[in-house]
Amino acid sequence: MQNKSYLSGRLDVKAFTLIELLVVVLIIGILAAVALPQYQKAVEKSKAAQALTMAKSIYHAMEAYHLANGVYPQSFSELSLEIPWTGKQPWADGTGLPDDVRSNSDWSAQLYNNMFGTAPAAAVGRLRGKYAGGAFMIYLPGGTHHYPVGVPVCAERVSGAVHNFTATPGSYCQKIFRAVLANGADENPRIYLMP
């Protein structure tokens, strides 16, 4: 007995309909729309983790220099710390200019003997990207300020920065790092305590 389909020149082949194909494409699009923001957040956290590590390294090197010499360093070359960045673009300008700056295309590392008239500090700030104007700062002992010494804080610089923070307030420090606002939302910079 012969197969009728074979005799008629047709094969019984199962295929996707256009509707089924469109449903699959729609599902992939929805998954991508959900996954992309999480991916971007993870990438930003990774970049920021490197910057935070650098800020901590600068802080510890400044503290060690102070213990050995009784004063804070005036430049990165005085520290026993390798900073591969060669640029000189500051994250902030105006009052409390940094004593020394090292930058690459996206970040600026700065050391201060008197950050914005308050205290010695180490800072690593964003120069470019969606969160330009955001930074990590660590205050050293001395001076007047209301933030814990030796503990990183996240900052969003509203004005006086090379690139001011123009994203939604809190979108960097609060949403990405779950930091808590420590000063007023209209203060400059807005300071957030890291968890």
N, C-alpha and C. Protein backbone atom coordinates (compact mmCIF):
# COMPACT_ATOMS: atom_id res chain seq x y z
N MET A 1 0.84 -1.18 0.00
CA MET A 1 0.00 0.00 0.00
C MET A 1 0.89 1.24 0.00
N GLN A 2 0.58 2.17 -0.82
CA GLN A 2 1.40 3.36 -0.95
C GLN A 2 0.77 4.53 -0.20
N ASN A 3 1.64 5.43 0.25
CA ASN A 3 1.23 6.62 0.99
C ASN A 3 0.58 7.60 0.02
N LYS A 4 -0.63 8.06 0.35
CA LYS A 4 -1.34 8.99 -0.53
C LYS A 4 -0.60 10.29 -0.70
N SER A 5 0.01 10.78 0.40
CA SER A 5 0.72 12.04 0.30
C SER A 5 1.88 11.93 -0.66
N TYR A 6 2.54 10.83 -0.64
CA TYR A 6 3.69 10.63 -1.51
C TYR A 6 3.23 10.58 -2.95
N LEU A 7 2.12 9.95 -3.19
CA LEU A 7 1.62 9.83 -4.55
C LEU A 7 1.15 11.15 -5.11
N SER A 8 0.62 11.98 -4.24
CA SER A 8 0.11 13.26 -4.73
C SER A 8 1.21 14.30 -4.88
N GLY A 9 2.47 14.00 -4.47
CA GLY A 9 3.59 14.92 -4.60
C GLY A 9 3.71 15.88 -3.44
N ARG A 10 2.95 15.64 -2.38
CA ARG A 10 3.00 16.51 -1.22
C ARG A 10 3.57 15.73 -0.05
N LEU A 11 4.32 16.41 0.74
CA LEU A 11 4.84 15.82 1.96
C LEU A 11 4.08 16.38 3.14
N ASP A 12 3.83 15.58 4.15
CA ASP A 12 3.19 16.06 5.36
C ASP A 12 4.27 16.67 6.25
N VAL A 13 4.48 17.95 6.15
CA VAL A 13 5.52 18.64 6.90
C VAL A 13 4.85 19.61 7.88
N LYS A 14 5.27 19.55 9.14
CA LYS A 14 4.77 20.49 10.14
C LYS A 14 5.61 21.75 10.04
N ALA A 15 5.01 22.91 10.03
CA ALA A 15 5.72 24.19 9.93
C ALA A 15 5.11 25.19 10.89
N PHE A 16 5.88 26.22 11.21
CA PHE A 16 5.37 27.30 12.05
C PHE A 16 4.47 28.20 11.21
N THR A 17 3.42 28.65 11.83
CA THR A 17 2.58 29.63 11.16
C THR A 17 3.18 31.01 11.42
N LEU A 18 2.76 31.98 10.70
CA LEU A 18 3.24 33.35 10.88
C LEU A 18 2.89 33.86 12.28
N ILE A 19 1.72 33.52 12.77
CA ILE A 19 1.29 33.95 14.10
C ILE A 19 2.22 33.36 15.16
N GLU A 20 2.53 32.07 15.05
CA GLU A 20 3.42 31.43 16.02
C GLU A 20 4.80 32.10 16.01
N LEU A 21 5.30 32.39 14.84
CA LEU A 21 6.61 33.05 14.72
C LEU A 21 6.58 34.44 15.34
N LEU A 22 5.51 35.19 15.13
CA LEU A 22 5.37 36.52 15.71
C LEU A 22 5.28 36.45 17.24
N VAL A 23 4.62 35.45 17.77
CA VAL A 23 4.52 35.29 19.22
C VAL A 23 5.90 35.02 19.80
N VAL A 24 6.69 34.18 19.16
CA VAL A 24 8.06 33.90 19.63
C VAL A 24 8.90 35.17 19.61
N VAL A 25 8.83 35.94 18.54
CA VAL A 25 9.58 37.19 18.43
C VAL A 25 9.13 38.17 19.52
N LEU A 26 7.84 38.24 19.78
CA LEU A 26 7.31 39.12 20.83
C LEU A 26 7.84 38.70 22.20
N ILE A 27 7.85 37.42 22.49
CA ILE A 27 8.36 36.93 23.77
C ILE A 27 9.84 37.26 23.92
N ILE A 28 10.61 37.07 22.89
CA ILE A 28 12.05 37.41 22.94
C ILE A 28 12.23 38.91 23.16
N GLY A 29 11.41 39.71 22.50
CA GLY A 29 11.48 41.17 22.70
C GLY A 29 11.16 41.58 24.12
N ILE A 30 10.15 40.96 24.72
CA ILE A 30 9.79 41.28 26.11
C ILE A 30 10.92 40.87 27.05
N LEU A 31 11.48 39.69 26.85
CA LEU A 31 12.59 39.23 27.68
C LEU A 31 13.80 40.16 27.56
N ALA A 32 14.08 40.62 26.35
CA ALA A 32 15.20 41.54 26.14
C ALA A 32 14.93 42.88 26.83
N ALA A 33 13.70 43.36 26.76
CA ALA A 33 13.35 44.63 27.40
C ALA A 33 13.49 44.54 28.92
N VAL A 34 13.22 43.38 29.48
CA VAL A 34 13.36 43.19 30.92
C VAL A 34 14.83 43.01 31.29
N ALA A 35 15.58 42.28 30.49
CA ALA A 35 16.97 41.95 30.81
C ALA A 35 17.94 43.10 30.56
N LEU A 36 17.70 43.93 29.56
CA LEU A 36 18.65 44.98 29.21
C LEU A 36 18.91 45.97 30.35
N PRO A 37 17.88 46.50 31.03
CA PRO A 37 18.17 47.41 32.15
C PRO A 37 18.97 46.73 33.27
N GLN A 38 18.68 45.47 33.53
CA GLN A 38 19.43 44.75 34.56
C GLN A 38 20.88 44.56 34.13
N TYR A 39 21.10 44.30 32.86
CA TYR A 39 22.45 44.16 32.34
C TYR A 39 23.20 45.49 32.45
N GLN A 40 22.55 46.59 32.07
CA GLN A 40 23.18 47.90 32.15
C GLN A 40 23.51 48.26 33.60
N LYS A 41 22.62 47.91 34.52
CA LYS A 41 22.87 48.16 35.94
C LYS A 41 24.07 47.36 36.43
N ALA A 42 24.17 46.10 35.99
CA ALA A 42 25.30 45.25 36.39
C ALA A 42 26.62 45.79 35.83
N VAL A 43 26.60 46.28 34.59
CA VAL A 43 27.81 46.86 33.99
C VAL A 43 28.22 48.11 34.75
N GLU A 44 27.25 48.96 35.09
CA GLU A 44 27.55 50.18 35.84
C GLU A 44 28.10 49.85 37.22
N LYS A 45 27.53 48.85 37.87
CA LYS A 45 28.02 48.46 39.19
C LYS A 45 29.46 47.96 39.10
N SER A 46 29.77 47.25 38.04
CA SER A 46 31.13 46.74 37.85
C SER A 46 32.12 47.89 37.67
N LYS A 47 31.78 48.85 36.83
CA LYS A 47 32.65 50.01 36.62
C LYS A 47 32.82 50.80 37.92
N ALA A 48 31.71 50.99 38.62
CA ALA A 48 31.74 51.74 39.86
C ALA A 48 32.53 51.01 40.94
N ALA A 49 32.48 49.69 40.95
CA ALA A 49 33.24 48.92 41.93
C ALA A 49 34.73 49.15 41.75
N GLN A 50 35.17 49.26 40.50
CA GLN A 50 36.58 49.56 40.24
C GLN A 50 36.93 50.96 40.74
N ALA A 51 36.05 51.92 40.51
CA ALA A 51 36.29 53.29 40.97
C ALA A 51 36.30 53.35 42.49
N LEU A 52 35.39 52.65 43.13
CA LEU A 52 35.33 52.63 44.59
C LEU A 52 36.59 52.00 45.17
N THR A 53 37.07 50.94 44.53
CA THR A 53 38.31 50.30 44.97
C THR A 53 39.48 51.28 44.86
N MET A 54 39.51 52.06 43.78
CA MET A 54 40.57 53.04 43.61
C MET A 54 40.48 54.12 44.69
N ALA A 55 39.27 54.59 44.99
CA ALA A 55 39.10 55.60 46.04
C ALA A 55 39.59 55.07 47.38
N LYS A 56 39.29 53.82 47.69
CA LYS A 56 39.76 53.21 48.94
C LYS A 56 41.28 53.10 48.96
N SER A 57 41.87 52.73 47.82
CA SER A 57 43.33 52.63 47.74
C SER A 57 43.99 53.98 47.96
N ILE A 58 43.44 55.04 47.36
CA ILE A 58 43.97 56.39 47.54
C ILE A 58 43.84 56.80 49.00
N TYR A 59 42.69 56.53 49.60
CA TYR A 59 42.46 56.86 51.00
C TYR A 59 43.52 56.19 51.89
N HIS A 60 43.72 54.89 51.71
CA HIS A 60 44.67 54.16 52.55
C HIS A 60 46.10 54.67 52.34
N ALA A 61 46.45 54.99 51.09
CA ALA A 61 47.79 55.52 50.81
C ALA A 61 47.97 56.90 51.44
N MET A 62 46.93 57.75 51.38
CA MET A 62 47.01 59.07 52.01
C MET A 62 47.14 58.94 53.53
N GLU A 63 46.39 58.01 54.10
CA GLU A 63 46.44 57.80 55.55
C GLU A 63 47.84 57.31 55.97
N ALA A 64 48.42 56.38 55.20
CA ALA A 64 49.76 55.87 55.51
C ALA A 64 50.80 56.99 55.38
N TYR A 65 50.65 57.83 54.35
CA TYR A 65 51.58 58.94 54.17
C TYR A 65 51.49 59.90 55.36
N HIS A 66 50.26 60.18 55.80
CA HIS A 66 50.06 61.08 56.94
C HIS A 66 50.69 60.51 58.21
N LEU A 67 50.55 59.22 58.43
CA LEU A 67 51.14 58.59 59.61
C LEU A 67 52.67 58.68 59.58
N ALA A 68 53.25 58.55 58.39
CA ALA A 68 54.70 58.59 58.26
C ALA A 68 55.28 59.99 58.28
N ASN A 69 54.52 60.98 57.79
CA ASN A 69 55.07 62.33 57.60
C ASN A 69 54.37 63.44 58.40
N GLY A 70 53.24 63.15 58.98
CA GLY A 70 52.53 64.16 59.77
C GLY A 70 51.71 65.13 58.95
N VAL A 71 51.74 65.03 57.64
CA VAL A 71 50.94 65.88 56.75
C VAL A 71 50.36 64.99 55.65
N TYR A 72 49.34 65.51 54.98
CA TYR A 72 48.78 64.77 53.86
C TYR A 72 49.56 65.09 52.59
N PRO A 73 49.61 64.17 51.64
CA PRO A 73 50.40 64.40 50.42
C PRO A 73 49.81 65.49 49.54
N GLN A 74 50.68 66.09 48.75
CA GLN A 74 50.26 67.12 47.80
C GLN A 74 50.03 66.55 46.40
N SER A 75 50.56 65.34 46.14
CA SER A 75 50.41 64.74 44.81
C SER A 75 50.42 63.23 44.89
N PHE A 76 49.94 62.61 43.83
CA PHE A 76 49.93 61.15 43.75
C PHE A 76 51.34 60.58 43.71
N SER A 77 52.30 61.36 43.19
CA SER A 77 53.67 60.86 43.10
C SER A 77 54.30 60.65 44.48
N GLU A 78 53.76 61.27 45.50
CA GLU A 78 54.26 61.09 46.86
C GLU A 78 53.75 59.79 47.50
N LEU A 79 52.75 59.19 46.91
CA LEU A 79 52.14 57.98 47.47
C LEU A 79 52.79 56.73 46.90
N SER A 80 52.79 55.69 47.70
CA SER A 80 53.27 54.40 47.20
C SER A 80 52.07 53.67 46.60
N LEU A 81 51.58 54.24 45.50
CA LEU A 81 50.37 53.75 44.87
C LEU A 81 50.50 53.97 43.37
N GLU A 82 50.25 52.93 42.61
CA GLU A 82 50.33 53.03 41.15
C GLU A 82 48.96 53.41 40.60
N ILE A 83 48.87 54.58 39.98
CA ILE A 83 47.63 55.01 39.33
C ILE A 83 47.93 55.11 37.84
N PRO A 84 47.34 54.21 37.04
CA PRO A 84 47.70 54.14 35.62
C PRO A 84 47.16 55.28 34.76
N TRP A 85 46.25 56.08 35.31
CA TRP A 85 45.65 57.16 34.52
C TRP A 85 46.64 58.31 34.39
N THR A 86 46.69 58.91 33.21
CA THR A 86 47.66 59.97 32.95
C THR A 86 47.04 61.34 32.69
N GLY A 87 45.72 61.39 32.52
CA GLY A 87 45.06 62.67 32.26
C GLY A 87 45.01 63.55 33.49
N LYS A 88 44.62 64.82 33.30
CA LYS A 88 44.54 65.79 34.41
C LYS A 88 43.18 66.46 34.48
N GLN A 89 42.13 65.81 33.99
CA GLN A 89 40.81 66.43 34.00
C GLN A 89 40.15 66.19 35.36
N PRO A 90 39.83 67.26 36.12
CA PRO A 90 39.22 67.07 37.44
C PRO A 90 37.73 66.74 37.33
N TRP A 91 37.23 66.09 38.36
CA TRP A 91 35.80 65.81 38.46
C TRP A 91 35.07 67.06 38.94
N ALA A 92 35.67 67.79 39.85
CA ALA A 92 35.06 69.02 40.37
C ALA A 92 36.06 70.16 40.24
N ASP A 93 35.54 71.35 40.15
CA ASP A 93 36.41 72.53 40.10
C ASP A 93 35.82 73.59 41.03
N GLY A 94 36.36 74.76 41.01
CA GLY A 94 35.85 75.82 41.88
C GLY A 94 36.48 75.75 43.25
N THR A 95 35.69 75.96 44.30
CA THR A 95 36.19 75.95 45.67
C THR A 95 36.75 74.59 46.04
N GLY A 96 37.87 74.60 46.73
CA GLY A 96 38.45 73.34 47.17
C GLY A 96 39.07 72.54 46.06
N LEU A 97 39.86 73.22 45.21
CA LEU A 97 40.51 72.51 44.11
C LEU A 97 41.34 71.36 44.64
N PRO A 98 41.37 70.25 43.91
CA PRO A 98 42.17 69.12 44.37
C PRO A 98 43.65 69.45 44.32
N ASP A 99 44.42 68.80 45.20
CA ASP A 99 45.86 68.98 45.19
C ASP A 99 46.48 68.26 44.00
N ASP A 100 45.89 67.14 43.57
CA ASP A 100 46.38 66.43 42.39
C ASP A 100 45.23 65.67 41.76
N VAL A 101 45.33 65.49 40.45
CA VAL A 101 44.28 64.83 39.66
C VAL A 101 44.92 63.84 38.71
N ARG A 102 44.29 62.69 38.56
CA ARG A 102 44.63 61.73 37.51
C ARG A 102 43.32 61.30 36.89
N SER A 103 43.27 61.23 35.57
CA SER A 103 42.01 60.85 34.93
C SER A 103 42.25 59.96 33.72
N ASN A 104 41.20 59.22 33.35
CA ASN A 104 41.17 58.53 32.08
C ASN A 104 39.97 59.09 31.33
N SER A 105 39.47 58.41 30.32
CA SER A 105 38.38 58.99 29.53
C SER A 105 37.06 59.08 30.29
N ASP A 106 36.87 58.26 31.32
CA ASP A 106 35.58 58.23 32.01
C ASP A 106 35.61 58.65 33.48
N TRP A 107 36.77 58.54 34.14
CA TRP A 107 36.86 58.76 35.58
C TRP A 107 37.99 59.72 35.92
N SER A 108 37.85 60.39 37.06
CA SER A 108 38.88 61.29 37.57
C SER A 108 39.15 60.95 39.03
N ALA A 109 40.42 60.67 39.36
CA ALA A 109 40.82 60.42 40.74
C ALA A 109 41.45 61.70 41.27
N GLN A 110 41.06 62.10 42.49
CA GLN A 110 41.54 63.35 43.06
C GLN A 110 41.90 63.16 44.52
N LEU A 111 42.96 63.83 44.95
CA LEU A 111 43.27 63.86 46.37
C LEU A 111 43.22 65.30 46.83
N TYR A 112 42.70 65.48 48.04
CA TYR A 112 42.48 66.80 48.61
C TYR A 112 43.10 66.89 49.99
N ASN A 113 43.68 68.04 50.30
CA ASN A 113 44.05 68.34 51.67
C ASN A 113 42.92 69.09 52.35
N ASN A 114 42.05 69.71 51.55
CA ASN A 114 40.93 70.46 52.10
C ASN A 114 39.79 70.45 51.09
N MET A 115 39.05 69.35 51.06
CA MET A 115 37.99 69.19 50.06
C MET A 115 36.83 70.14 50.34
N PHE A 116 36.62 71.07 49.43
CA PHE A 116 35.51 72.03 49.51
C PHE A 116 35.45 72.72 50.86
N GLY A 117 36.63 72.99 51.44
CA GLY A 117 36.70 73.71 52.70
C GLY A 117 36.30 72.89 53.91
N THR A 118 36.22 71.57 53.78
CA THR A 118 35.76 70.76 54.92
C THR A 118 36.82 69.83 55.49
N ALA A 119 37.52 69.07 54.65
CA ALA A 119 38.43 68.06 55.21
C ALA A 119 39.29 67.46 54.11
N PRO A 120 40.39 66.79 54.52
CA PRO A 120 41.14 66.01 53.53
C PRO A 120 40.28 64.85 53.04
N ALA A 121 40.45 64.49 51.78
CA ALA A 121 39.61 63.43 51.22
C ALA A 121 40.23 62.84 49.97
N ALA A 122 39.76 61.67 49.62
CA ALA A 122 40.06 61.02 48.35
C ALA A 122 38.74 60.95 47.58
N ALA A 123 38.77 61.19 46.28
CA ALA A 123 37.55 61.15 45.48
C ALA A 123 37.84 60.55 44.12
N VAL A 124 36.89 59.79 43.62
CA VAL A 124 36.94 59.28 42.25
C VAL A 124 35.58 59.57 41.64
N GLY A 125 35.54 60.44 40.61
CA GLY A 125 34.28 60.89 40.05
C GLY A 125 34.12 60.57 38.58
N ARG A 126 32.86 60.47 38.16
CA ARG A 126 32.51 60.19 36.76
C ARG A 126 32.64 61.46 35.93
N LEU A 127 33.32 61.35 34.80
CA LEU A 127 33.45 62.47 33.88
C LEU A 127 32.46 62.39 32.72
N ARG A 128 32.13 61.18 32.31
CA ARG A 128 31.28 61.01 31.13
C ARG A 128 30.26 59.90 31.39
N GLY A 129 29.32 59.82 30.48
CA GLY A 129 28.30 58.78 30.58
C GLY A 129 27.03 59.29 31.21
N LYS A 130 26.09 58.39 31.36
CA LYS A 130 24.77 58.73 31.89
C LYS A 130 24.86 59.32 33.30
N TYR A 131 25.83 58.87 34.09
CA TYR A 131 25.94 59.30 35.48
C TYR A 131 27.12 60.23 35.72
N ALA A 132 27.52 61.00 34.71
CA ALA A 132 28.60 61.97 34.89
C ALA A 132 28.22 62.91 36.04
N GLY A 133 29.20 63.23 36.88
CA GLY A 133 28.94 64.06 38.05
C GLY A 133 28.75 63.25 39.32
N GLY A 134 28.59 61.93 39.17
CA GLY A 134 28.51 61.04 40.33
C GLY A 134 29.92 60.68 40.77
N ALA A 135 30.10 60.39 42.06
CA ALA A 135 31.45 60.10 42.56
C ALA A 135 31.40 59.30 43.85
N PHE A 136 32.57 58.81 44.22
CA PHE A 136 32.78 58.20 45.53
C PHE A 136 33.83 59.03 46.24
N MET A 137 33.55 59.38 47.51
CA MET A 137 34.48 60.18 48.30
C MET A 137 34.70 59.47 49.63
N ILE A 138 35.91 59.61 50.15
CA ILE A 138 36.23 59.09 51.47
C ILE A 138 36.97 60.19 52.21
N TYR A 139 36.39 60.65 53.33
CA TYR A 139 37.00 61.71 54.12
C TYR A 139 38.04 61.13 55.06
N LEU A 140 39.13 61.89 55.27
CA LEU A 140 40.18 61.52 56.21
C LEU A 140 39.98 62.34 57.49
N PRO A 141 40.64 61.95 58.58
CA PRO A 141 40.51 62.72 59.83
C PRO A 141 40.99 64.16 59.64
N GLY A 142 40.34 65.07 60.34
CA GLY A 142 40.70 66.49 60.27
C GLY A 142 39.63 67.27 59.54
N GLY A 143 39.56 68.54 59.82
CA GLY A 143 38.58 69.38 59.15
C GLY A 143 37.20 69.23 59.76
N THR A 144 36.24 69.88 59.13
CA THR A 144 34.87 69.83 59.61
C THR A 144 33.98 69.25 58.53
N HIS A 145 33.25 68.24 58.87
CA HIS A 145 32.27 67.64 57.99
C HIS A 145 31.37 66.76 58.84
N HIS A 146 30.29 66.32 58.27
CA HIS A 146 29.31 65.55 59.02
C HIS A 146 29.26 64.09 58.59
N TYR A 147 30.26 63.63 57.90
CA TYR A 147 30.24 62.28 57.35
C TYR A 147 31.30 61.42 58.02
N PRO A 148 31.07 60.12 58.07
CA PRO A 148 32.03 59.25 58.76
C PRO A 148 33.40 59.27 58.09
N VAL A 149 34.44 59.26 58.92
CA VAL A 149 35.81 59.23 58.43
C VAL A 149 36.14 57.81 57.99
N GLY A 150 36.78 57.69 56.84
CA GLY A 150 37.22 56.39 56.35
C GLY A 150 36.14 55.53 55.75
N VAL A 151 34.94 56.06 55.61
CA VAL A 151 33.82 55.31 55.05
C VAL A 151 33.43 55.94 53.72
N PRO A 152 33.37 55.15 52.65
CA PRO A 152 33.00 55.73 51.36
C PRO A 152 31.58 56.28 51.36
N VAL A 153 31.42 57.43 50.73
CA VAL A 153 30.09 57.99 50.49
C VAL A 153 29.94 58.17 48.98
N CYS A 154 28.72 58.11 48.53
CA CYS A 154 28.41 58.34 47.12
C CYS A 154 27.93 59.78 47.00
N ALA A 155 28.34 60.45 45.94
CA ALA A 155 27.97 61.86 45.76
C ALA A 155 27.44 62.10 44.35
N GLU A 156 26.48 63.00 44.25
CA GLU A 156 25.98 63.46 42.96
C GLU A 156 26.18 64.97 42.94
N ARG A 157 27.15 65.43 42.16
CA ARG A 157 27.52 66.84 42.14
C ARG A 157 26.59 67.62 41.24
N VAL A 158 25.85 68.57 41.82
CA VAL A 158 24.83 69.32 41.08
C VAL A 158 25.44 70.46 40.27
N SER A 159 26.44 71.15 40.83
CA SER A 159 27.10 72.23 40.10
C SER A 159 28.56 72.29 40.55
N GLY A 160 29.38 72.96 39.77
CA GLY A 160 30.79 73.08 40.09
C GLY A 160 31.59 71.87 39.67
N ALA A 161 30.97 70.95 38.97
CA ALA A 161 31.69 69.79 38.46
C ALA A 161 32.03 70.03 37.01
N VAL A 162 32.99 69.30 36.52
CA VAL A 162 33.33 69.40 35.10
C VAL A 162 32.09 69.03 34.29
N HIS A 163 31.44 67.96 34.68
CA HIS A 163 30.16 67.56 34.10
C HIS A 163 29.19 67.36 35.25
N ASN A 164 28.22 68.24 35.39
CA ASN A 164 27.29 68.14 36.49
C ASN A 164 26.37 66.94 36.33
N PHE A 165 25.88 66.43 37.46
CA PHE A 165 24.99 65.28 37.46
C PHE A 165 23.63 65.75 36.96
N THR A 166 23.24 65.27 35.78
CA THR A 166 22.00 65.72 35.17
C THR A 166 20.92 64.64 35.18
N ALA A 167 21.28 63.43 35.60
CA ALA A 167 20.27 62.36 35.68
C ALA A 167 19.33 62.66 36.85
N THR A 168 18.30 61.88 36.97
CA THR A 168 17.33 62.05 38.06
C THR A 168 18.04 61.92 39.41
N PRO A 169 17.79 62.85 40.35
CA PRO A 169 18.44 62.76 41.66
C PRO A 169 18.22 61.39 42.29
N GLY A 170 19.30 60.80 42.76
CA GLY A 170 19.23 59.50 43.40
C GLY A 170 19.34 58.32 42.45
N SER A 171 19.29 58.57 41.14
CA SER A 171 19.31 57.45 40.19
C SER A 171 20.63 56.70 40.19
N TYR A 172 21.69 57.35 40.62
CA TYR A 172 23.00 56.68 40.67
C TYR A 172 23.22 56.08 42.06
N CYS A 173 23.26 56.92 43.05
CA CYS A 173 23.59 56.46 44.41
C CYS A 173 22.49 55.61 45.03
N GLN A 174 21.24 56.04 44.93
CA GLN A 174 20.16 55.31 45.58
C GLN A 174 19.75 54.07 44.81
N LYS A 175 19.52 54.21 43.52
CA LYS A 175 18.96 53.09 42.77
C LYS A 175 19.99 52.02 42.45
N ILE A 176 21.22 52.40 42.15
CA ILE A 176 22.22 51.40 41.79
C ILE A 176 22.91 50.83 43.02
N PHE A 177 23.19 51.69 44.01
CA PHE A 177 23.97 51.24 45.17
C PHE A 177 23.17 51.14 46.46
N ARG A 178 21.88 51.50 46.41
CA ARG A 178 21.01 51.46 47.58
C ARG A 178 21.55 52.31 48.73
N ALA A 179 22.17 53.40 48.37
CA ALA A 179 22.71 54.33 49.36
C ALA A 179 21.57 55.21 49.88
N VAL A 180 21.77 55.77 51.07
CA VAL A 180 20.74 56.58 51.74
C VAL A 180 21.18 58.04 51.75
N LEU A 181 20.30 58.94 51.34
CA LEU A 181 20.60 60.37 51.30
C LEU A 181 20.95 60.86 52.71
N ALA A 182 22.12 61.50 52.83
CA ALA A 182 22.59 61.96 54.15
C ALA A 182 22.40 63.45 54.34
N ASN A 183 22.28 64.21 53.27
CA ASN A 183 22.05 65.66 53.39
C ASN A 183 20.82 66.01 52.55
N GLY A 184 20.51 67.28 52.42
CA GLY A 184 19.33 67.68 51.67
C GLY A 184 19.45 67.40 50.19
N ALA A 185 18.32 67.11 49.56
CA ALA A 185 18.30 66.80 48.14
C ALA A 185 18.73 67.99 47.29
N ASP A 186 18.66 69.21 47.85
CA ASP A 186 19.05 70.40 47.09
C ASP A 186 20.48 70.83 47.41
N GLU A 187 21.19 70.10 48.29
CA GLU A 187 22.56 70.46 48.62
C GLU A 187 23.51 70.01 47.51
N ASN A 188 24.68 70.60 47.49
CA ASN A 188 25.66 70.30 46.46
C ASN A 188 27.01 69.99 47.10
N PRO A 189 27.55 68.82 46.92
CA PRO A 189 26.91 67.67 46.26
C PRO A 189 25.92 66.99 47.19
N ARG A 190 24.99 66.23 46.58
CA ARG A 190 24.12 65.39 47.40
C ARG A 190 24.97 64.22 47.87
N ILE A 191 25.00 63.98 49.17
CA ILE A 191 25.83 62.92 49.75
C ILE A 191 24.94 61.77 50.20
N TYR A 192 25.32 60.56 49.82
CA TYR A 192 24.57 59.36 50.17
C TYR A 192 25.49 58.42 50.93
N LEU A 193 25.01 57.87 52.04
CA LEU A 193 25.78 56.90 52.80
C LEU A 193 25.61 55.53 52.16
N MET A 194 26.74 54.87 51.92
CA MET A 194 26.72 53.55 51.28
C MET A 194 26.27 52.49 52.30
N PRO A 195 25.59 51.45 51.84
CA PRO A 195 25.14 50.40 52.77
C PRO A 195 26.33 49.58 53.29
